[in-house]
Amino acid sequence: MTTFAIEPRHRLEHPPGERVFLSAEWRDLVMLNYEVDSELLAQNVPRGTELHAFERRVYVSLVGFRFMRTKLFGCVPLPLHTNFEEVNLRFYVKRREGNEERRGVVFIREIVPRFAVAHLARVAYGENYVCHPMRHRVQANGEGIAAEYQWQVGDAWCRLRAEASGTPDYAAEGSLDQFITEHYWGYSAQRNGGCVEYQVAHPPWRAWKATVAAFEGDAEPLYGRELARVLRRPPDSAFIAEGSPVLVFAGRSIA
């Protein structure tokens, strides 16, 4: 298991007035990033937000990681639901609130192995959670790290994996890696056409640049034909992030 030492400038902040819905640790994040045509995501952009591009390029990310020490409201552990895997497919949006530009994430689909977790996220935020059997493997030593996440759809298993060597470091200012990891809001389109906004707090992450990274399996049943075609090609960038403690705050309707 990797660890994260929070430096003074990277402490986990609790914004004043915000109510914690969930606390946890996100660890060993495998992040595969693919450039896509913006038209592919247009129908998924929640009301009140717009696509957020990096250097005029739009990305989706397939992300696998470990949820650990999960607690409701920051203090109530859920028996048998504190440690589990998650894999999500996400893209990036922004929203203007007064003079602030809020950099956010929209989840196309989120996979977990615990039905109660999926149900809670659907009820609380309207997120697109589904429940499937999952497993993972993480091997880390002084020479590098290898991590993979698997999930079962029907009789077949899909796999997200990456390998990296050397030591992790913080993303360079203005880099694609920083763009991918430093979006601190979530936006979820609702069935009635509205949108729920919620804040996520975590310190910046150290990460390894992946030397090997791939998705393997049939993505079409979960993501549709066009996004499955995207995931069949090599990612445009990939890395493994150590992760950190996180706070997820209560959501509010904005549209």
C-alpha atoms as a PDB file:
ATOM      1  CA  MET A   1       0.000   0.000   0.000  1.00  0.00           C
ATOM      2  CA  THR A   2       1.283   3.419  -0.887  1.00  0.00           C
ATOM      3  CA  THR A   3       1.205   6.299   1.573  1.00  0.00           C
ATOM      4  CA  PHE A   4       0.834  10.056   1.281  1.00  0.00           C
ATOM      5  CA  ALA A   5       2.502  12.524   3.618  1.00  0.00           C
ATOM      6  CA  ILE A   6       0.515  15.770   3.574  1.00  0.00           C
ATOM      7  CA  GLU A   7       2.822  18.777   3.462  1.00  0.00           C
ATOM      8  CA  PRO A   8       1.650  22.034   5.098  1.00  0.00           C
ATOM      9  CA  ARG A   9       0.776  23.602   1.717  1.00  0.00           C
ATOM     10  CA  HIS A  10      -1.150  20.479   0.728  1.00  0.00           C
ATOM     11  CA  ARG A  11      -3.407  19.977   3.736  1.00  0.00           C
ATOM     12  CA  LEU A  12      -6.965  18.755   3.284  1.00  0.00           C
ATOM     13  CA  GLU A  13      -9.183  21.837   3.500  1.00  0.00           C
ATOM     14  CA  HIS A  14     -12.762  21.930   4.807  1.00  0.00           C
ATOM     15  CA  PRO A  15     -14.506  24.900   3.143  1.00  0.00           C
ATOM     16  CA  PRO A  16     -16.447  26.957   5.699  1.00  0.00           C
ATOM     17  CA  GLY A  17     -20.175  26.321   5.762  1.00  0.00           C
ATOM     18  CA  GLU A  18     -19.996  23.102   3.751  1.00  0.00           C
ATOM     19  CA  ARG A  19     -21.535  19.937   5.227  1.00  0.00           C
ATOM     20  CA  VAL A  20     -19.549  16.718   4.831  1.00  0.00           C
ATOM     21  CA  PHE A  21     -21.552  13.940   3.217  1.00  0.00           C
ATOM     22  CA  LEU A  22     -18.739  11.396   2.977  1.00  0.00           C
ATOM     23  CA  SER A  23     -15.106  11.056   3.997  1.00  0.00           C
ATOM     24  CA  ALA A  24     -12.724   8.439   2.665  1.00  0.00           C
ATOM     25  CA  GLU A  25      -9.321   7.817   1.179  1.00  0.00           C
ATOM     26  CA  TRP A  26      -8.806   7.385  -2.547  1.00  0.00           C
ATOM     27  CA  ARG A  27      -5.690   5.328  -3.190  1.00  0.00           C
ATOM     28  CA  ASP A  28      -3.688   3.918  -6.106  1.00  0.00           C
ATOM     29  CA  LEU A  29      -5.565   5.702  -8.871  1.00  0.00           C
ATOM     30  CA  VAL A  30      -4.958   4.403 -12.395  1.00  0.00           C
ATOM     31  CA  MET A  31      -5.952   7.186 -14.820  1.00  0.00           C
ATOM     32  CA  LEU A  32      -6.113   6.604 -18.578  1.00  0.00           C
ATOM     33  CA  ASN A  33      -6.923   9.759 -20.566  1.00  0.00           C
ATOM     34  CA  TYR A  34      -8.280   9.927 -24.117  1.00  0.00           C
ATOM     35  CA  GLU A  35      -8.831  12.916 -26.377  1.00  0.00           C
ATOM     36  CA  VAL A  36     -12.337  12.877 -27.901  1.00  0.00           C
ATOM     37  CA  ASP A  37     -14.503  14.959 -30.188  1.00  0.00           C
ATOM     38  CA  SER A  38     -16.603  17.329 -28.087  1.00  0.00           C
ATOM     39  CA  GLU A  39     -19.725  16.247 -29.987  1.00  0.00           C
ATOM     40  CA  LEU A  40     -19.386  12.809 -28.428  1.00  0.00           C
ATOM     41  CA  LEU A  41     -20.039  14.303 -24.967  1.00  0.00           C
ATOM     42  CA  ALA A  42     -22.495  17.077 -25.837  1.00  0.00           C
ATOM     43  CA  GLN A  43     -25.618  15.216 -24.688  1.00  0.00           C
ATOM     44  CA  ASN A  44     -23.997  14.419 -21.315  1.00  0.00           C
ATOM     45  CA  VAL A  45     -23.108  18.003 -20.330  1.00  0.00           C
ATOM     46  CA  PRO A  46     -25.313  18.997 -17.346  1.00  0.00           C
ATOM     47  CA  ARG A  47     -27.369  22.157 -17.508  1.00  0.00           C
ATOM     48  CA  GLY A  48     -25.475  25.180 -16.187  1.00  0.00           C
ATOM     49  CA  THR A  49     -22.028  23.812 -17.130  1.00  0.00           C
ATOM     50  CA  GLU A  50     -19.874  23.730 -20.255  1.00  0.00           C
ATOM     51  CA  LEU A  51     -17.127  21.441 -21.468  1.00  0.00           C
ATOM     52  CA  HIS A  52     -13.705  22.293 -20.059  1.00  0.00           C
ATOM     53  CA  ALA A  53     -10.950  21.784 -22.614  1.00  0.00           C
ATOM     54  CA  PHE A  54      -7.194  21.591 -22.075  1.00  0.00           C
ATOM     55  CA  GLU A  55      -5.313  23.456 -24.797  1.00  0.00           C
ATOM     56  CA  ARG A  56      -8.482  23.191 -26.953  1.00  0.00           C
ATOM     57  CA  ARG A  57      -8.613  19.423 -26.484  1.00  0.00           C
ATOM     58  CA  VAL A  58     -11.461  17.600 -24.734  1.00  0.00           C
ATOM     59  CA  TYR A  59     -10.715  14.482 -22.677  1.00  0.00           C
ATOM     60  CA  VAL A  60     -12.435  11.552 -21.066  1.00  0.00           C
ATOM     61  CA  SER A  61     -10.669   9.562 -18.342  1.00  0.00           C
ATOM     62  CA  LEU A  62     -11.113   5.946 -17.334  1.00  0.00           C
ATOM     63  CA  VAL A  63     -10.160   5.794 -13.663  1.00  0.00           C
ATOM     64  CA  GLY A  64      -9.774   2.887 -11.250  1.00  0.00           C
ATOM     65  CA  PHE A  65      -8.969   3.296  -7.567  1.00  0.00           C
ATOM     66  CA  ARG A  66      -9.523   2.035  -4.039  1.00  0.00           C
ATOM     67  CA  PHE A  67     -12.084   3.582  -1.708  1.00  0.00           C
ATOM     68  CA  MET A  68     -10.754   3.116   1.850  1.00  0.00           C
ATOM     69  CA  ARG A  69     -11.890   4.051   5.371  1.00  0.00           C
ATOM     70  CA  THR A  70     -15.208   5.302   4.027  1.00  0.00           C
ATOM     71  CA  LYS A  71     -17.505   7.074   6.495  1.00  0.00           C
ATOM     72  CA  LEU A  72     -20.849   8.799   6.101  1.00  0.00           C
ATOM     73  CA  PHE A  73     -20.856  12.402   7.348  1.00  0.00           C
ATOM     74  CA  GLY A  74     -17.166  11.955   8.156  1.00  0.00           C
ATOM     75  CA  CYS A  75     -17.843   9.828  11.243  1.00  0.00           C
ATOM     76  CA  VAL A  76     -20.212   6.887  10.557  1.00  0.00           C
ATOM     77  CA  PRO A  77     -18.542   3.789   9.057  1.00  0.00           C
ATOM     78  CA  LEU A  78     -20.763   1.473   7.027  1.00  0.00           C
ATOM     79  CA  PRO A  79     -20.242  -2.171   8.054  1.00  0.00           C
ATOM     80  CA  LEU A  80     -18.683  -4.177   5.186  1.00  0.00           C
ATOM     81  CA  HIS A  81     -18.699  -1.048   3.000  1.00  0.00           C
ATOM     82  CA  THR A  82     -15.627   0.878   4.145  1.00  0.00           C
ATOM     83  CA  ASN A  83     -13.100  -0.554   1.644  1.00  0.00           C
ATOM     84  CA  PHE A  84     -13.956  -1.330  -1.991  1.00  0.00           C
ATOM     85  CA  GLU A  85     -12.932  -0.658  -5.587  1.00  0.00           C
ATOM     86  CA  GLU A  86     -14.396   1.868  -8.012  1.00  0.00           C
ATOM     87  CA  VAL A  87     -13.940   2.377 -11.733  1.00  0.00           C
ATOM     88  CA  ASN A  88     -15.449   5.412 -13.433  1.00  0.00           C
ATOM     89  CA  LEU A  89     -15.524   6.997 -16.862  1.00  0.00           C
ATOM     90  CA  ARG A  90     -15.587  10.783 -16.588  1.00  0.00           C
ATOM     91  CA  PHE A  91     -15.086  14.052 -18.456  1.00  0.00           C
ATOM     92  CA  TYR A  92     -14.421  17.656 -17.459  1.00  0.00           C
ATOM     93  CA  VAL A  93     -16.650  20.735 -17.265  1.00  0.00           C
ATOM     94  CA  LYS A  94     -16.581  24.215 -15.750  1.00  0.00           C
ATOM     95  CA  ARG A  95     -19.142  26.594 -14.306  1.00  0.00           C
ATOM     96  CA  ARG A  96     -19.006  30.268 -13.407  1.00  0.00           C
ATOM     97  CA  GLU A  97     -20.177  31.205  -9.884  1.00  0.00           C
ATOM     98  CA  GLY A  98     -19.737  34.941  -9.408  1.00  0.00           C
ATOM     99  CA  ASN A  99     -16.039  35.652  -9.982  1.00  0.00           C
ATOM    100  CA  GLU A 100     -15.082  31.989  -9.447  1.00  0.00           C
ATOM    101  CA  GLU A 101     -14.553  29.440 -12.191  1.00  0.00           C
ATOM    102  CA  ARG A 102     -15.433  26.019 -10.785  1.00  0.00           C
ATOM    103  CA  ARG A 103     -13.588  23.140 -12.447  1.00  0.00           C
ATOM    104  CA  GLY A 104     -15.723  20.025 -12.324  1.00  0.00           C
ATOM    105  CA  VAL A 105     -16.130  16.387 -13.277  1.00  0.00           C
ATOM    106  CA  VAL A 106     -19.117  14.619 -14.845  1.00  0.00           C
ATOM    107  CA  PHE A 107     -19.344  10.852 -14.501  1.00  0.00           C
ATOM    108  CA  ILE A 108     -20.673   8.881 -17.448  1.00  0.00           C
ATOM    109  CA  ARG A 109     -20.700   5.655 -15.443  1.00  0.00           C
ATOM    110  CA  GLU A 110     -19.364   4.570 -12.039  1.00  0.00           C
ATOM    111  CA  ILE A 111     -18.855   0.926 -11.109  1.00  0.00           C
ATOM    112  CA  VAL A 112     -18.601  -0.404  -7.548  1.00  0.00           C
ATOM    113  CA  PRO A 113     -18.960  -3.930  -6.100  1.00  0.00           C
ATOM    114  CA  ARG A 114     -21.337  -2.903  -3.278  1.00  0.00           C
ATOM    115  CA  PHE A 115     -25.041  -2.474  -4.024  1.00  0.00           C
ATOM    116  CA  ALA A 116     -25.623  -0.207  -1.007  1.00  0.00           C
ATOM    117  CA  VAL A 117     -22.897   2.201  -2.178  1.00  0.00           C
ATOM    118  CA  ALA A 118     -24.346   2.376  -5.687  1.00  0.00           C
ATOM    119  CA  HIS A 119     -27.869   2.916  -4.331  1.00  0.00           C
ATOM    120  CA  LEU A 120     -26.770   5.661  -1.915  1.00  0.00           C
ATOM    121  CA  ALA A 121     -24.931   7.583  -4.656  1.00  0.00           C
ATOM    122  CA  ARG A 122     -27.902   7.345  -7.016  1.00  0.00           C
ATOM    123  CA  VAL A 123     -30.289   8.624  -4.337  1.00  0.00           C
ATOM    124  CA  ALA A 124     -28.037  11.375  -2.912  1.00  0.00           C
ATOM    125  CA  TYR A 125     -26.618  12.799  -6.141  1.00  0.00           C
ATOM    126  CA  GLY A 126     -28.374  11.118  -9.052  1.00  0.00           C
ATOM    127  CA  GLU A 127     -25.036   9.664 -10.172  1.00  0.00           C
ATOM    128  CA  ASN A 128     -24.836   6.851 -12.728  1.00  0.00           C
ATOM    129  CA  TYR A 129     -23.633   4.097 -10.377  1.00  0.00           C
ATOM    130  CA  VAL A 130     -23.939   0.405 -11.195  1.00  0.00           C
ATOM    131  CA  CYS A 131     -22.930  -2.655  -9.184  1.00  0.00           C
ATOM    132  CA  HIS A 132     -20.694  -5.390 -10.629  1.00  0.00           C
ATOM    133  CA  PRO A 133     -18.219  -7.895  -9.157  1.00  0.00           C
ATOM    134  CA  MET A 134     -14.760  -6.310  -8.945  1.00  0.00           C
ATOM    135  CA  ARG A 135     -11.200  -7.109  -7.930  1.00  0.00           C
ATOM    136  CA  HIS A 136      -7.847  -5.345  -7.939  1.00  0.00           C
ATOM    137  CA  ARG A 137      -4.114  -5.875  -7.625  1.00  0.00           C
ATOM    138  CA  VAL A 138      -1.496  -3.299  -6.577  1.00  0.00           C
ATOM    139  CA  GLN A 139       2.224  -4.034  -6.299  1.00  0.00           C
ATOM    140  CA  ALA A 140       4.558  -1.239  -5.233  1.00  0.00           C
ATOM    141  CA  ASN A 141       8.240  -1.194  -4.270  1.00  0.00           C
ATOM    142  CA  GLY A 142      11.233   1.081  -4.499  1.00  0.00           C
ATOM    143  CA  GLU A 143      11.500   0.535  -8.255  1.00  0.00           C
ATOM    144  CA  GLY A 144       7.946   1.499  -9.184  1.00  0.00           C
ATOM    145  CA  ILE A 145       4.333   0.402  -9.111  1.00  0.00           C
ATOM    146  CA  ALA A 146       1.871  -1.759 -11.040  1.00  0.00           C
ATOM    147  CA  ALA A 147      -1.891  -1.561 -10.516  1.00  0.00           C
ATOM    148  CA  GLU A 148      -4.941  -3.025 -12.166  1.00  0.00           C
ATOM    149  CA  TYR A 149      -8.706  -3.002 -11.604  1.00  0.00           C
ATOM    150  CA  GLN A 150     -11.120  -5.553 -12.996  1.00  0.00           C
ATOM    151  CA  TRP A 151     -14.911  -5.709 -13.202  1.00  0.00           C
ATOM    152  CA  GLN A 152     -17.254  -8.382 -14.487  1.00  0.00           C
ATOM    153  CA  VAL A 153     -20.048  -7.733 -16.988  1.00  0.00           C
ATOM    154  CA  GLY A 154     -22.027 -10.869 -17.729  1.00  0.00           C
ATOM    155  CA  ASP A 155     -19.571 -13.724 -18.088  1.00  0.00           C
ATOM    156  CA  ALA A 156     -16.615 -11.551 -19.128  1.00  0.00           C
ATOM    157  CA  TRP A 157     -14.100  -9.465 -17.200  1.00  0.00           C
ATOM    158  CA  CYS A 158     -12.804  -6.029 -18.182  1.00  0.00           C
ATOM    159  CA  ARG A 159      -9.408  -4.802 -17.025  1.00  0.00           C
ATOM    160  CA  LEU A 160      -7.806  -1.378 -16.494  1.00  0.00           C
ATOM    161  CA  ARG A 161      -4.076  -1.534 -15.828  1.00  0.00           C
ATOM    162  CA  ALA A 162      -0.904   0.539 -15.697  1.00  0.00           C
ATOM    163  CA  GLU A 163       2.757   0.173 -14.759  1.00  0.00           C
ATOM    164  CA  ALA A 164       5.295   2.842 -13.832  1.00  0.00           C
ATOM    165  CA  SER A 165       8.855   3.069 -12.573  1.00  0.00           C
ATOM    166  CA  GLY A 166      10.830   5.503 -10.452  1.00  0.00           C
ATOM    167  CA  THR A 167       9.357   7.775  -7.802  1.00  0.00           C
ATOM    168  CA  PRO A 168       6.131   9.805  -7.917  1.00  0.00           C
ATOM    169  CA  ASP A 169       6.044  13.592  -8.112  1.00  0.00           C
ATOM    170  CA  TYR A 170       3.521  16.420  -8.168  1.00  0.00           C
ATOM    171  CA  ALA A 171       2.159  17.406 -11.571  1.00  0.00           C
ATOM    172  CA  ALA A 172       3.886  20.316 -13.266  1.00  0.00           C
ATOM    173  CA  GLU A 173       2.009  23.612 -13.166  1.00  0.00           C
ATOM    174  CA  GLY A 174      -0.164  23.955 -16.255  1.00  0.00           C
ATOM    175  CA  SER A 175       0.320  20.321 -17.334  1.00  0.00           C
ATOM    176  CA  LEU A 176      -2.325  17.891 -18.579  1.00  0.00           C
ATOM    177  CA  ASP A 177      -1.771  15.748 -15.470  1.00  0.00           C
ATOM    178  CA  GLN A 178      -2.587  18.713 -13.250  1.00  0.00           C
ATOM    179  CA  PHE A 179      -5.663  19.490 -15.343  1.00  0.00           C
ATOM    180  CA  ILE A 180      -6.907  15.902 -14.978  1.00  0.00           C
ATOM    181  CA  THR A 181      -6.377  15.596 -11.222  1.00  0.00           C
ATOM    182  CA  GLU A 182      -7.305  19.071 -10.013  1.00  0.00           C
ATOM    183  CA  HIS A 183     -11.034  19.366 -10.676  1.00  0.00           C
ATOM    184  CA  TYR A 184     -12.714  19.823  -7.297  1.00  0.00           C
ATOM    185  CA  TRP A 185     -16.426  19.882  -8.142  1.00  0.00           C
ATOM    186  CA  GLY A 186     -18.865  17.214  -9.260  1.00  0.00           C
ATOM    187  CA  TYR A 187     -21.867  17.819 -11.526  1.00  0.00           C
ATOM    188  CA  SER A 188     -24.673  15.356 -12.038  1.00  0.00           C
ATOM    189  CA  ALA A 189     -27.504  15.769 -14.544  1.00  0.00           C
ATOM    190  CA  GLN A 190     -30.880  14.876 -13.035  1.00  0.00           C
ATOM    191  CA  ARG A 191     -33.799  13.049 -14.637  1.00  0.00           C
ATOM    192  CA  ASN A 192     -35.918  16.208 -14.470  1.00  0.00           C
ATOM    193  CA  GLY A 193     -33.329  18.077 -16.528  1.00  0.00           C
ATOM    194  CA  GLY A 194     -31.746  19.847 -13.558  1.00  0.00           C
ATOM    195  CA  CYS A 195     -28.211  19.609 -12.211  1.00  0.00           C
ATOM    196  CA  VAL A 196     -26.730  18.860  -8.781  1.00  0.00           C
ATOM    197  CA  GLU A 197     -23.398  20.421  -7.816  1.00  0.00           C
ATOM    198  CA  TYR A 198     -21.150  19.156  -5.002  1.00  0.00           C
ATOM    199  CA  GLN A 199     -17.627  19.944  -3.855  1.00  0.00           C
ATOM    200  CA  VAL A 200     -14.790  17.445  -3.397  1.00  0.00           C
ATOM    201  CA  ALA A 201     -11.696  18.365  -1.353  1.00  0.00           C
ATOM    202  CA  HIS A 202      -8.313  16.659  -1.455  1.00  0.00           C
ATOM    203  CA  PRO A 203      -4.690  17.807  -1.528  1.00  0.00           C
ATOM    204  CA  PRO A 204      -2.737  17.590  -4.808  1.00  0.00           C
ATOM    205  CA  TRP A 205      -1.516  14.092  -5.615  1.00  0.00           C
ATOM    206  CA  ARG A 206       1.897  12.777  -6.434  1.00  0.00           C
ATOM    207  CA  ALA A 207       1.886  10.476  -9.453  1.00  0.00           C
ATOM    208  CA  TRP A 208       4.003   8.190 -11.622  1.00  0.00           C
ATOM    209  CA  LYS A 209       4.004   8.541 -15.404  1.00  0.00           C
ATOM    210  CA  ALA A 210       2.840   5.216 -16.778  1.00  0.00           C
ATOM    211  CA  THR A 211       5.211   3.273 -19.022  1.00  0.00           C
ATOM    212  CA  VAL A 212       2.500   0.690 -19.771  1.00  0.00           C
ATOM    213  CA  ALA A 213      -1.236   1.420 -19.697  1.00  0.00           C
ATOM    214  CA  ALA A 214      -4.279  -0.195 -21.287  1.00  0.00           C
ATOM    215  CA  PHE A 215      -7.950  -1.053 -21.063  1.00  0.00           C
ATOM    216  CA  GLU A 216      -8.918  -4.583 -22.044  1.00  0.00           C
ATOM    217  CA  GLY A 217     -12.410  -5.960 -22.535  1.00  0.00           C
ATOM    218  CA  ASP A 218     -15.801  -5.123 -24.046  1.00  0.00           C
ATOM    219  CA  ALA A 219     -16.770  -1.595 -22.975  1.00  0.00           C
ATOM    220  CA  GLU A 220     -19.878  -1.311 -25.144  1.00  0.00           C
ATOM    221  CA  PRO A 221     -22.447  -2.727 -22.655  1.00  0.00           C
ATOM    222  CA  LEU A 222     -21.604   0.016 -20.114  1.00  0.00           C
ATOM    223  CA  TYR A 223     -20.464   2.951 -22.233  1.00  0.00           C
ATOM    224  CA  GLY A 224     -22.049   2.518 -25.667  1.00  0.00           C
ATOM    225  CA  ARG A 225     -20.528   1.955 -29.082  1.00  0.00           C
ATOM    226  CA  GLU A 226     -18.746   5.279 -29.633  1.00  0.00           C
ATOM    227  CA  LEU A 227     -17.036   5.475 -26.241  1.00  0.00           C
ATOM    228  CA  ALA A 228     -16.136   1.780 -26.467  1.00  0.00           C
ATOM    229  CA  ARG A 229     -14.353   2.574 -29.733  1.00  0.00           C
ATOM    230  CA  VAL A 230     -12.387   5.306 -27.940  1.00  0.00           C
ATOM    231  CA  LEU A 231     -11.302   2.936 -25.164  1.00  0.00           C
ATOM    232  CA  ARG A 232     -10.032   0.362 -27.639  1.00  0.00           C
ATOM    233  CA  ARG A 233      -7.168   2.625 -28.688  1.00  0.00           C
ATOM    234  CA  PRO A 234      -4.067   3.414 -26.583  1.00  0.00           C
ATOM    235  CA  PRO A 235      -4.629   6.304 -24.138  1.00  0.00           C
ATOM    236  CA  ASP A 236      -3.198   9.704 -25.002  1.00  0.00           C
ATOM    237  CA  SER A 237      -1.760   9.944 -21.478  1.00  0.00           C
ATOM    238  CA  ALA A 238      -1.728   7.722 -18.413  1.00  0.00           C
ATOM    239  CA  PHE A 239      -0.436   7.820 -14.867  1.00  0.00           C
ATOM    240  CA  ILE A 240      -0.834   6.248 -11.435  1.00  0.00           C
ATOM    241  CA  ALA A 241      -1.585   8.640  -8.567  1.00  0.00           C
ATOM    242  CA  GLU A 242      -0.914   7.859  -4.926  1.00  0.00           C
ATOM    243  CA  GLY A 243      -4.166   9.454  -3.775  1.00  0.00           C
ATOM    244  CA  SER A 244      -5.039  10.942  -0.386  1.00  0.00           C
ATOM    245  CA  PRO A 245      -7.829  11.494   2.128  1.00  0.00           C
ATOM    246  CA  VAL A 246     -10.876  13.124   0.515  1.00  0.00           C
ATOM    247  CA  LEU A 247     -14.033  14.890   1.645  1.00  0.00           C
ATOM    248  CA  VAL A 248     -17.215  14.846  -0.435  1.00  0.00           C
ATOM    249  CA  PHE A 249     -19.672  17.566   0.528  1.00  0.00           C
ATOM    250  CA  ALA A 250     -23.466  17.637   0.343  1.00  0.00           C
ATOM    251  CA  GLY A 251     -24.899  18.556  -3.019  1.00  0.00           C
ATOM    252  CA  ARG A 252     -27.249  21.322  -4.060  1.00  0.00           C
ATOM    253  CA  SER A 253     -29.441  21.915  -7.085  1.00  0.00           C
ATOM    254  CA  ILE A 254     -28.134  24.660  -9.398  1.00  0.00           C
ATOM    255  CA  ALA A 255     -30.427  24.289 -12.422  1.00  0.00           C
END
